[in-house]
Protein backbone atom coordinates (compact mmCIF):
# COMPACT_ATOMS: atom_id res chain seq x y z
CA MET A 1 0.00 0.00 0.00
CA ASN A 2 2.74 2.43 -0.87
CA TRP A 3 0.42 4.37 -3.08
CA PHE A 4 -1.80 5.14 -0.09
CA ARG A 5 0.87 6.94 1.94
CA LYS A 6 -0.12 10.37 3.04
CA ARG A 7 1.81 12.97 1.16
CA PRO A 8 1.45 16.69 1.50
CA LEU A 9 -0.80 18.10 -1.18
CA ALA A 10 1.80 20.63 -2.21
CA GLU A 11 5.24 21.47 -1.01
CA PRO A 12 5.60 24.94 0.44
CA ALA A 13 6.82 27.34 -2.22
CA ALA A 14 10.37 28.55 -1.95
CA ARG A 15 10.76 32.18 -1.05
CA THR A 16 10.98 34.25 -4.17
CA ALA A 17 13.30 37.17 -4.74
CA GLU A 18 10.28 39.47 -4.45
CA ASP A 19 9.47 38.10 -0.98
CA ILE A 20 13.03 38.62 0.17
CA ALA A 21 13.03 42.14 -1.31
CA ALA A 22 9.76 42.96 0.46
CA ASP A 23 11.25 41.79 3.76
CA ASP A 24 14.32 44.00 3.16
CA MET A 25 12.09 47.03 2.55
CA GLN A 26 10.03 46.29 5.66
CA ARG A 27 13.24 46.11 7.70
CA LEU A 28 14.36 49.42 6.19
CA GLU A 29 11.01 51.06 6.93
CA ALA A 30 11.14 49.87 10.54
CA GLN A 31 14.38 51.78 11.14
CA ASP A 32 14.22 55.25 12.65
CA ASN A 33 16.64 56.82 10.18
CA VAL A 34 16.28 56.71 6.43
CA PRO A 35 19.64 56.16 4.67
CA ARG A 36 21.00 59.43 3.24
CA ASP A 37 23.58 57.79 0.98
CA PRO A 38 22.15 55.98 -2.07
CA ARG A 39 24.76 53.26 -1.58
CA ASP A 40 23.05 52.33 1.71
CA TRP A 41 19.76 51.55 -0.02
CA PRO A 42 19.11 47.99 -1.22
CA SER A 43 20.72 47.06 -4.51
CA ASP A 44 18.78 43.88 -5.27
CA LYS A 45 15.11 43.62 -6.27
CA ALA A 46 14.18 45.71 -3.24
CA LYS A 47 15.39 48.86 -5.00
CA TYR A 48 12.43 48.52 -7.37
CA LEU A 49 9.88 48.44 -4.54
CA THR A 50 8.23 51.63 -3.38
CA PHE A 51 9.36 52.84 0.03
CA GLY A 52 6.36 52.99 2.36
CA ASN A 53 4.20 50.94 0.01
CA ALA A 54 2.18 49.48 2.89
CA GLY A 55 0.21 52.72 3.13
CA ASP A 56 0.29 52.78 6.93
CA ASN A 57 1.66 56.30 7.16
CA PRO A 58 1.26 59.08 4.62
CA TYR A 59 4.33 60.99 3.46
CA GLY A 60 5.63 63.17 6.25
CA GLU A 61 4.77 60.71 9.01
CA GLY A 62 6.81 57.77 10.23
CA ALA A 63 10.15 57.19 8.53
CA THR A 64 9.46 59.69 5.73
CA ALA A 65 9.11 62.53 8.26
CA LYS A 66 12.90 62.68 8.41
CA LEU A 67 13.04 63.50 4.68
CA GLY A 68 11.44 66.92 5.15
CA PRO A 69 8.02 68.45 4.57
CA ALA A 70 5.99 67.28 1.60
CA GLU A 71 4.53 70.63 0.54
CA VAL A 72 7.75 72.56 -0.23
CA THR A 73 7.40 74.75 -3.32
CA HIS A 74 10.31 76.67 -4.87
CA HIS A 75 9.16 79.78 -6.74
CA GLU A 76 10.85 81.49 -9.72
CA ASP A 77 11.79 84.56 -7.67
CA GLY A 78 13.80 82.39 -5.26
CA SER A 79 11.23 82.34 -2.48
CA VAL A 80 10.07 79.10 -0.89
CA SER A 81 6.69 78.22 0.56
CA VAL A 82 5.78 75.31 2.79
CA GLY A 83 2.12 74.38 2.85
CA GLY A 84 1.24 77.63 1.04
CA LYS A 85 3.05 79.91 3.53
CA LEU A 86 6.22 81.75 2.56
CA VAL A 87 9.20 80.93 4.78
CA ASP A 88 11.58 83.55 6.18
CA ASN A 89 14.79 81.80 5.17
CA PRO A 90 14.58 79.94 1.83
CA GLU A 91 18.18 78.74 2.28
CA ASP A 92 16.92 76.27 4.92
CA TYR A 93 15.07 74.41 2.16
CA LYS A 94 17.86 74.44 -0.40
CA GLY A 95 19.46 71.06 -1.01
CA LYS A 96 23.14 70.36 -1.24
CA PRO A 97 24.54 70.72 -4.75
CA ILE A 98 25.06 67.48 -6.59
CA THR A 99 28.77 67.09 -7.19
CA GLY A 100 29.67 65.86 -10.63
CA GLY A 101 26.27 66.85 -11.97
CA ILE A 102 25.61 68.20 -15.44
CA ILE A 103 25.78 71.86 -14.35
CA GLU A 104 29.19 71.37 -12.79
CA GLN A 105 30.41 69.62 -15.93
CA LEU A 106 29.08 72.42 -18.14
CA MET A 107 30.78 75.05 -15.98
CA GLN A 108 34.09 73.20 -16.24
CA GLN A 109 33.72 72.95 -20.02
CA THR A 110 32.87 76.66 -20.25
CA ALA A 111 35.98 77.59 -18.27
CA ARG A 112 38.10 75.24 -20.39
CA ASN A 113 36.69 76.65 -23.63
CA ARG A 114 37.37 80.21 -22.43
CA ARG A 115 41.01 79.33 -21.65
CA LEU A 116 41.44 77.66 -25.05
CA ARG A 117 39.95 80.70 -26.84
CA GLU A 118 42.27 83.06 -24.95
CA GLU A 119 45.30 80.91 -25.79
CA GLN A 120 44.26 80.78 -29.45
CA GLU A 121 43.82 84.58 -29.56
CA ARG A 122 47.26 85.10 -27.96
CA ALA A 123 48.82 82.72 -30.49
CA THR A 124 47.10 84.56 -33.34
CA VAL A 125 48.29 87.96 -32.05
CA ALA A 126 51.83 86.62 -31.53
CA GLY A 127 51.85 85.12 -35.05
CA ALA A 128 50.67 88.40 -36.56
CA ALA A 129 53.34 90.33 -34.63
CA LYS A 130 56.10 88.04 -35.97
CA ARG A 131 55.01 88.61 -39.57
CA THR A 132 55.34 92.35 -39.32
């Protein structure tokens, strides 16, 4: 009667990468501090999951409260409002510049191009002076 042995109907499914990633994000959400450095965030499938996806706390409460207020608006004239009210010191809401960003690269290229133009003009003037 080997065929009559009781076998489990189905073996428990192995944990998928998505399950492991969800556990990683839950662990991250349970921490008091949100990682500031992008290298501290998960690099596996968890990086594709939305932080705070459970919907327990809206943005600005829980772990996301440490990221700053949600209603910050930067205006064209340089003023900043939070929740519709202008703040006294807009510099408090200005982020750190991104080093190595496109603006920094453009500024370096502009300075380099200016130096090259000046050198070329000097060489042209020196060449014209030699001919005379």
